[in-house]
Amino acid sequence: MPAKPTRRQVTRQVARHVPPLDMNLLVTLDALLSEGSVVGAAQRLNLSAPAMSRQLARIRHLLGDPVLVRAGRGLVPTPRAEGLRERLRGLVAEAEALVRGDDEIDLLRLERTFVIRANDGFVGTFGAALASLAAQEAPLVRLRFAHQDKEDVEALREGRIDADVGVIGAMGPEIRLQALFHDRFVGVVRPGHPLAGDVTPERFAAFPHVSVSRRGRFSGPIDVALAALGLKRFVAIAVANFSDALAIVRTSDHVAAVPARLTEPGRAGLHTFDLPVKTDALAVSLAWHPRFDADPAHRWLRAALRAACSSRAPGETEPAG
């Protein structure tokens, strides 16, 4: 009768049957937890949805956990996956930095997708300049613009977006913030509108207005300035983006107040005028997480964003008219 194997022999036999760890599965899991969907993770990693589903099946087998489970129309992480999220994000970021190197980067060979959260005004005004810079300096880089529906600092912390661009409030002490340029509000009406002539506070307040607010607000700094003069405007419509506001005023008697630089291309063919009340300037800033401070690829992205916004001196706008 053969001798009973020792504990050390059993351990060695078990170890020989443990498959080697595929680091790609960690990258895939990070993308799945960040995107919260198989389709989104597949797009982020440039894979087909079936290929991503197969990767998810391998991850589930590796961890012995469902990882993502159905909740209504979406997927939510299991407690095990949620507990791995932060450690996994840091591990993948360190691995990416190790592979890319800390100081040198070949932009011509760089293959990376950057997710930038910005409003439609920024994309319409500076998107082409940024795309041209990327095509010239880093032709294999992809830029994805995410909808700016809210200031979600967790998106930066968790790596769901690489950069946030806009009028940004306090996002936490660890978030890096850098001003790109300053903007000012101007009034916009259709050609031939009565306000295309003389604009006074009284005439300005007499027409129906369109408000641009992600939160659907009907009032703001302009109403405060008018109230100081004993005036009140009627904001008839609230929309979530500048393009909708400009489309409305283009074929109606409504008035919109919009940032000058952020809407310059969209205001073509419309009449622009200086507001008859004073409002504070807007600081359009770039925000990012400090884990990307030393990342050469992210440094290039930040420099490209600054360069795209500096085609005209900060704060300079075309004359009203």
Protein backbone atom coordinates (compact mmCIF):
# COMPACT_ATOMS: atom_id res chain seq x y z
CA MET A 1 0.00 0.00 0.00
CA PRO A 2 1.55 3.33 -1.08
CA ALA A 3 2.57 5.76 1.64
CA LYS A 4 0.19 8.62 2.42
CA PRO A 5 1.50 11.89 0.85
CA THR A 6 2.73 14.54 3.23
CA ARG A 7 1.07 17.97 3.53
CA ARG A 8 3.98 19.57 1.63
CA GLN A 9 3.55 17.12 -1.26
CA VAL A 10 -0.18 17.77 -1.40
CA THR A 11 0.42 21.54 -1.43
CA ARG A 12 2.88 21.20 -4.32
CA GLN A 13 0.42 19.08 -6.29
CA VAL A 14 -2.38 21.61 -5.78
CA ALA A 15 -0.08 24.50 -6.72
CA ARG A 16 0.81 22.79 -9.98
CA HIS A 17 -2.90 22.77 -10.94
CA VAL A 18 -3.49 26.51 -10.22
CA PRO A 19 -3.53 28.32 -13.59
CA PRO A 20 -1.21 31.32 -13.96
CA LEU A 21 -2.87 34.69 -13.39
CA ASP A 22 -3.83 36.52 -16.57
CA MET A 23 -3.25 40.22 -15.85
CA ASN A 24 -5.60 41.07 -18.72
CA LEU A 25 -8.44 39.80 -16.57
CA LEU A 26 -7.65 42.45 -13.94
CA VAL A 27 -7.73 45.17 -16.59
CA THR A 28 -11.01 43.76 -17.89
CA LEU A 29 -12.51 43.62 -14.39
CA ASP A 30 -11.46 47.22 -13.77
CA ALA A 31 -13.21 48.30 -16.97
CA LEU A 32 -16.35 46.31 -16.09
CA LEU A 33 -16.59 47.85 -12.62
CA SER A 34 -15.93 51.35 -13.96
CA GLU A 35 -18.43 51.16 -16.83
CA GLY A 36 -21.05 49.01 -15.08
CA SER A 37 -21.93 47.27 -18.34
CA VAL A 38 -20.50 44.68 -20.71
CA VAL A 39 -21.07 46.94 -23.74
CA GLY A 40 -19.40 49.97 -22.11
CA ALA A 41 -16.38 47.93 -20.98
CA ALA A 42 -16.09 46.41 -24.45
CA GLN A 43 -16.03 49.87 -26.04
CA ARG A 44 -13.46 51.09 -23.53
CA LEU A 45 -11.10 48.17 -24.27
CA ASN A 46 -11.91 48.03 -28.01
CA LEU A 47 -13.36 44.51 -27.75
CA SER A 48 -16.56 43.00 -29.11
CA ALA A 49 -19.44 42.47 -26.69
CA PRO A 50 -19.23 38.64 -27.07
CA ALA A 51 -15.49 38.73 -26.32
CA MET A 52 -16.14 40.83 -23.22
CA SER A 53 -18.85 38.38 -22.09
CA ARG A 54 -16.34 35.54 -22.39
CA GLN A 55 -13.84 37.53 -20.32
CA LEU A 56 -16.50 38.14 -17.67
CA ALA A 57 -17.19 34.40 -17.53
CA ARG A 58 -13.48 33.74 -16.94
CA ILE A 59 -13.38 36.37 -14.18
CA ARG A 60 -16.39 34.81 -12.48
CA HIS A 61 -14.72 31.41 -12.59
CA LEU A 62 -11.44 32.85 -11.28
CA LEU A 63 -13.04 34.68 -8.34
CA GLY A 64 -15.82 32.22 -7.67
CA ASP A 65 -18.20 35.18 -7.61
CA PRO A 66 -20.82 36.58 -10.07
CA VAL A 67 -18.98 39.97 -9.96
CA LEU A 68 -21.83 41.80 -11.75
CA VAL A 69 -25.50 40.92 -11.39
CA ARG A 70 -28.62 42.17 -13.15
CA ALA A 71 -30.57 45.02 -11.51
CA GLY A 72 -33.39 46.22 -13.73
CA ARG A 73 -31.87 47.18 -17.06
CA GLY A 74 -28.35 47.56 -15.71
CA LEU A 75 -25.70 45.63 -13.81
CA VAL A 76 -24.52 46.23 -10.25
CA PRO A 77 -21.35 44.88 -8.57
CA THR A 78 -21.54 42.22 -5.89
CA PRO A 79 -20.15 43.03 -2.42
CA ARG A 80 -16.99 41.06 -3.30
CA ALA A 81 -16.47 43.08 -6.48
CA GLU A 82 -17.25 46.37 -4.71
CA GLY A 83 -14.60 45.56 -2.12
CA LEU A 84 -12.04 45.00 -4.86
CA ARG A 85 -12.81 48.20 -6.81
CA GLU A 86 -10.37 50.67 -5.20
CA ARG A 87 -7.48 48.21 -4.83
CA LEU A 88 -7.97 47.01 -8.38
CA ARG A 89 -8.05 50.57 -9.80
CA GLY A 90 -4.77 51.40 -8.06
CA LEU A 91 -3.17 48.14 -9.17
CA VAL A 92 -4.15 48.65 -12.82
CA ALA A 93 -2.98 52.28 -12.74
CA GLU A 94 0.40 51.20 -11.34
CA ALA A 95 0.69 48.46 -13.94
CA GLU A 96 -0.11 50.91 -16.74
CA ALA A 97 2.48 53.36 -15.42
CA LEU A 98 5.04 50.54 -15.18
CA VAL A 99 4.45 49.49 -18.77
CA ARG A 100 4.44 53.04 -20.14
CA GLY A 101 7.40 54.22 -18.13
CA ASP A 102 7.43 57.24 -15.84
CA ASP A 103 9.33 59.78 -17.88
CA GLU A 104 9.37 58.85 -21.55
CA ILE A 105 6.48 58.16 -23.86
CA ASP A 106 6.25 57.61 -27.60
CA LEU A 107 3.16 59.59 -28.53
CA LEU A 108 3.17 58.19 -32.06
CA ARG A 109 2.74 54.69 -30.63
CA LEU A 110 0.51 55.56 -27.70
CA GLU A 111 -2.78 53.61 -27.85
CA ARG A 112 -5.15 54.90 -25.21
CA THR A 113 -8.72 56.10 -24.87
CA PHE A 114 -9.23 59.26 -22.80
CA VAL A 115 -12.69 60.05 -21.44
CA ILE A 116 -13.34 63.79 -21.05
CA ARG A 117 -16.48 65.08 -19.37
CA ALA A 118 -17.52 68.40 -20.92
CA ASN A 119 -20.65 70.23 -22.02
CA ASP A 120 -21.81 70.62 -25.61
CA GLY A 121 -20.46 74.16 -25.79
CA PHE A 122 -16.90 73.07 -25.03
CA VAL A 123 -17.04 70.19 -27.49
CA GLY A 124 -18.50 72.37 -30.24
CA THR A 125 -15.96 75.16 -29.70
CA PHE A 126 -12.74 73.32 -28.88
CA GLY A 127 -13.39 69.73 -29.94
CA ALA A 128 -12.02 70.21 -33.46
CA ALA A 129 -8.81 71.87 -32.22
CA LEU A 130 -8.26 69.09 -29.70
CA ALA A 131 -8.94 66.42 -32.35
CA SER A 132 -6.41 68.05 -34.70
CA LEU A 133 -3.75 68.15 -31.98
CA ALA A 134 -4.33 64.48 -31.21
CA ALA A 135 -4.17 63.52 -34.88
CA GLN A 136 -0.83 65.32 -35.27
CA GLU A 137 0.88 64.34 -32.01
CA ALA A 138 -0.78 61.09 -30.88
CA PRO A 139 -2.61 59.61 -33.87
CA LEU A 140 -3.56 56.34 -32.13
CA VAL A 141 -5.20 58.10 -29.16
CA ARG A 142 -9.00 58.09 -28.94
CA LEU A 143 -11.02 60.85 -27.26
CA ARG A 144 -14.45 60.11 -25.82
CA PHE A 145 -16.55 63.05 -24.62
CA ALA A 146 -18.92 62.12 -21.80
CA HIS A 147 -22.12 64.04 -21.09
CA GLN A 148 -21.78 66.62 -18.33
CA ASP A 149 -24.98 65.82 -16.47
CA LYS A 150 -23.63 66.49 -12.97
CA GLU A 151 -20.44 67.21 -11.03
CA ASP A 152 -19.74 63.66 -9.91
CA VAL A 153 -16.36 63.61 -8.18
CA GLU A 154 -16.56 59.82 -7.89
CA ALA A 155 -16.18 59.58 -11.65
CA LEU A 156 -12.70 61.11 -11.31
CA ARG A 157 -11.81 59.11 -8.21
CA GLU A 158 -12.86 55.81 -9.77
CA GLY A 159 -11.27 56.49 -13.14
CA ARG A 160 -14.53 56.49 -15.10
CA ILE A 161 -13.40 59.79 -16.62
CA ASP A 162 -9.85 61.07 -17.14
CA ALA A 163 -10.64 64.80 -17.07
CA ASP A 164 -13.52 67.10 -16.22
CA VAL A 165 -13.85 70.42 -18.05
CA GLY A 166 -16.32 73.16 -17.20
CA VAL A 167 -17.40 75.65 -14.56
CA ILE A 168 -16.41 73.42 -11.66
CA GLY A 169 -17.15 73.96 -7.99
CA ALA A 170 -15.40 72.37 -5.02
CA MET A 171 -14.79 68.67 -5.71
CA GLY A 172 -12.71 67.68 -2.70
CA PRO A 173 -9.24 68.56 -1.46
CA GLU A 174 -7.45 65.87 -3.45
CA ILE A 175 -8.80 66.84 -6.88
CA ARG A 176 -6.44 68.92 -9.02
CA LEU A 177 -8.02 72.03 -10.58
CA GLN A 178 -6.52 74.36 -13.19
CA ALA A 179 -8.21 77.33 -14.91
CA LEU A 180 -8.24 77.09 -18.70
CA PHE A 181 -9.83 80.45 -19.53
CA HIS A 182 -12.43 82.95 -18.36
CA ASP A 183 -15.71 83.57 -20.15
CA ARG A 184 -18.56 86.06 -19.91
CA PHE A 185 -22.28 85.94 -20.57
CA VAL A 186 -23.74 87.57 -23.69
CA GLY A 187 -27.31 87.88 -24.92
CA VAL A 188 -28.48 86.12 -28.08
CA VAL A 189 -31.58 86.70 -30.24
CA ARG A 190 -32.65 85.93 -33.79
CA PRO A 191 -31.79 88.36 -36.60
CA GLY A 192 -34.38 91.11 -36.82
CA HIS A 193 -35.41 90.73 -33.18
CA PRO A 194 -36.37 94.05 -31.48
CA LEU A 195 -33.37 93.63 -29.15
CA ALA A 196 -31.07 93.69 -32.19
CA GLY A 197 -31.32 97.46 -31.80
CA ASP A 198 -31.11 99.35 -28.53
CA VAL A 199 -30.85 97.11 -25.43
CA THR A 200 -31.85 98.49 -22.04
CA PRO A 201 -32.52 96.51 -18.84
CA GLU A 202 -36.25 97.25 -19.24
CA ARG A 203 -36.40 96.04 -22.86
CA PHE A 204 -34.22 93.04 -22.04
CA ALA A 205 -36.57 91.97 -19.24
CA ALA A 206 -39.69 92.47 -21.37
CA PHE A 207 -39.14 89.43 -23.61
CA PRO A 208 -39.47 85.74 -22.68
CA HIS A 209 -36.18 84.04 -21.86
CA VAL A 210 -34.56 80.63 -22.17
CA SER A 211 -32.48 79.33 -19.25
CA VAL A 212 -29.64 76.83 -19.68
CA SER A 213 -29.31 74.68 -16.57
CA ARG A 214 -28.39 71.03 -16.06
CA ARG A 215 -30.66 71.08 -12.99
CA GLY A 216 -33.58 72.74 -14.74
CA ARG A 217 -33.36 76.03 -12.86
CA PHE A 218 -35.39 79.01 -14.06
CA SER A 219 -33.35 81.69 -12.27
CA GLY A 220 -29.72 82.65 -11.75
CA PRO A 221 -27.28 85.58 -11.50
CA ILE A 222 -29.04 87.58 -14.21
CA ASP A 223 -32.26 87.58 -12.19
CA VAL A 224 -30.36 88.83 -9.13
CA ALA A 225 -28.88 91.69 -11.19
CA LEU A 226 -32.29 92.61 -12.63
CA ALA A 227 -33.90 92.51 -9.18
CA ALA A 228 -31.35 95.08 -7.97
CA LEU A 229 -32.84 97.39 -10.61
CA GLY A 230 -36.40 96.58 -9.61
CA LEU A 231 -36.94 94.43 -12.71
CA LYS A 232 -37.97 90.85 -13.28
CA ARG A 233 -37.77 88.73 -16.43
CA PHE A 234 -39.99 85.78 -17.34
CA VAL A 235 -37.96 82.61 -18.00
CA ALA A 236 -40.37 80.56 -20.09
CA ILE A 237 -38.14 77.59 -20.92
CA ALA A 238 -35.30 75.76 -19.18
CA VAL A 239 -33.06 73.45 -21.25
CA ALA A 240 -30.03 71.35 -20.35
CA ASN A 241 -27.59 72.48 -23.04
CA PHE A 242 -26.57 75.49 -25.10
CA SER A 243 -27.40 74.03 -28.51
CA ASP A 244 -31.07 73.62 -27.53
CA ALA A 245 -31.24 77.20 -26.25
CA LEU A 246 -29.71 78.57 -29.46
CA ALA A 247 -32.09 76.49 -31.57
CA ILE A 248 -35.07 77.98 -29.72
CA VAL A 249 -34.00 81.63 -30.02
CA ARG A 250 -33.12 81.14 -33.69
CA THR A 251 -36.81 80.83 -34.63
CA SER A 252 -38.64 82.67 -31.83
CA ASP A 253 -38.71 85.96 -29.94
CA HIS A 254 -37.10 84.36 -26.88
CA VAL A 255 -33.81 85.61 -25.46
CA ALA A 256 -30.92 83.48 -24.20
CA ALA A 257 -27.89 84.44 -22.14
CA VAL A 258 -24.94 82.15 -22.88
CA PRO A 259 -21.16 82.09 -22.35
CA ALA A 260 -19.48 83.85 -25.27
CA ARG A 261 -16.51 81.58 -25.96
CA LEU A 262 -18.30 78.32 -25.23
CA THR A 263 -21.03 79.09 -27.79
CA GLU A 264 -19.15 80.98 -30.47
CA PRO A 265 -19.65 78.46 -33.32
CA GLY A 266 -23.28 77.82 -32.38
CA ARG A 267 -24.14 81.54 -32.43
CA ALA A 268 -23.27 81.90 -36.12
CA GLY A 269 -26.09 83.76 -37.87
CA LEU A 270 -27.63 85.00 -34.62
CA HIS A 271 -27.43 88.48 -33.13
CA THR A 272 -25.18 88.75 -30.08
CA PHE A 273 -25.22 91.71 -27.69
CA ASP A 274 -23.69 92.75 -24.39
CA LEU A 275 -25.98 92.16 -21.43
CA PRO A 276 -27.50 95.35 -19.99
CA VAL A 277 -26.72 94.08 -16.46
CA LYS A 278 -23.43 93.06 -14.91
CA THR A 279 -22.65 89.40 -14.18
CA ASP A 280 -19.51 87.74 -12.86
CA ALA A 281 -17.03 86.15 -15.24
CA LEU A 282 -17.01 82.36 -15.54
CA ALA A 283 -13.85 80.36 -14.85
CA VAL A 284 -13.73 77.32 -17.13
CA SER A 285 -11.39 74.82 -15.46
CA LEU A 286 -9.77 71.43 -15.94
CA ALA A 287 -10.05 68.87 -13.12
CA TRP A 288 -8.27 65.53 -12.74
CA HIS A 289 -7.29 63.01 -10.07
CA PRO A 290 -3.76 63.31 -8.61
CA ARG A 291 -2.92 59.69 -9.43
CA PHE A 292 -2.42 60.93 -13.00
CA ASP A 293 -0.03 63.75 -12.04
CA ALA A 294 3.09 61.85 -13.11
CA ASP A 295 1.47 59.88 -15.93
CA PRO A 296 3.16 61.15 -19.14
CA ALA A 297 0.16 60.27 -21.30
CA HIS A 298 -2.20 62.19 -19.04
CA ARG A 299 0.26 65.09 -18.93
CA TRP A 300 0.03 65.19 -22.71
CA LEU A 301 -3.78 65.23 -22.50
CA ARG A 302 -3.75 68.15 -20.08
CA ALA A 303 -1.29 70.06 -22.27
CA ALA A 304 -3.42 69.37 -25.35
CA LEU A 305 -6.54 70.68 -23.61
CA ARG A 306 -4.72 73.85 -22.59
CA ALA A 307 -3.36 74.32 -26.12
CA ALA A 308 -6.80 73.82 -27.69
CA CYS A 309 -8.23 76.52 -25.41
CA SER A 310 -5.42 79.00 -26.04
CA SER A 311 -6.08 79.58 -29.74
CA ARG A 312 -7.38 82.94 -28.53
CA ALA A 313 -6.13 84.83 -25.51
CA PRO A 314 -7.98 83.83 -22.31
CA GLY A 315 -11.11 85.90 -21.80
CA GLU A 316 -10.99 87.44 -25.29
CA THR A 317 -14.19 87.24 -27.28
CA GLU A 318 -15.41 88.69 -30.54
CA PRO A 319 -17.24 92.01 -30.36
CA ALA A 320 -20.96 91.84 -29.78
CA GLY A 321 -23.04 92.34 -32.85
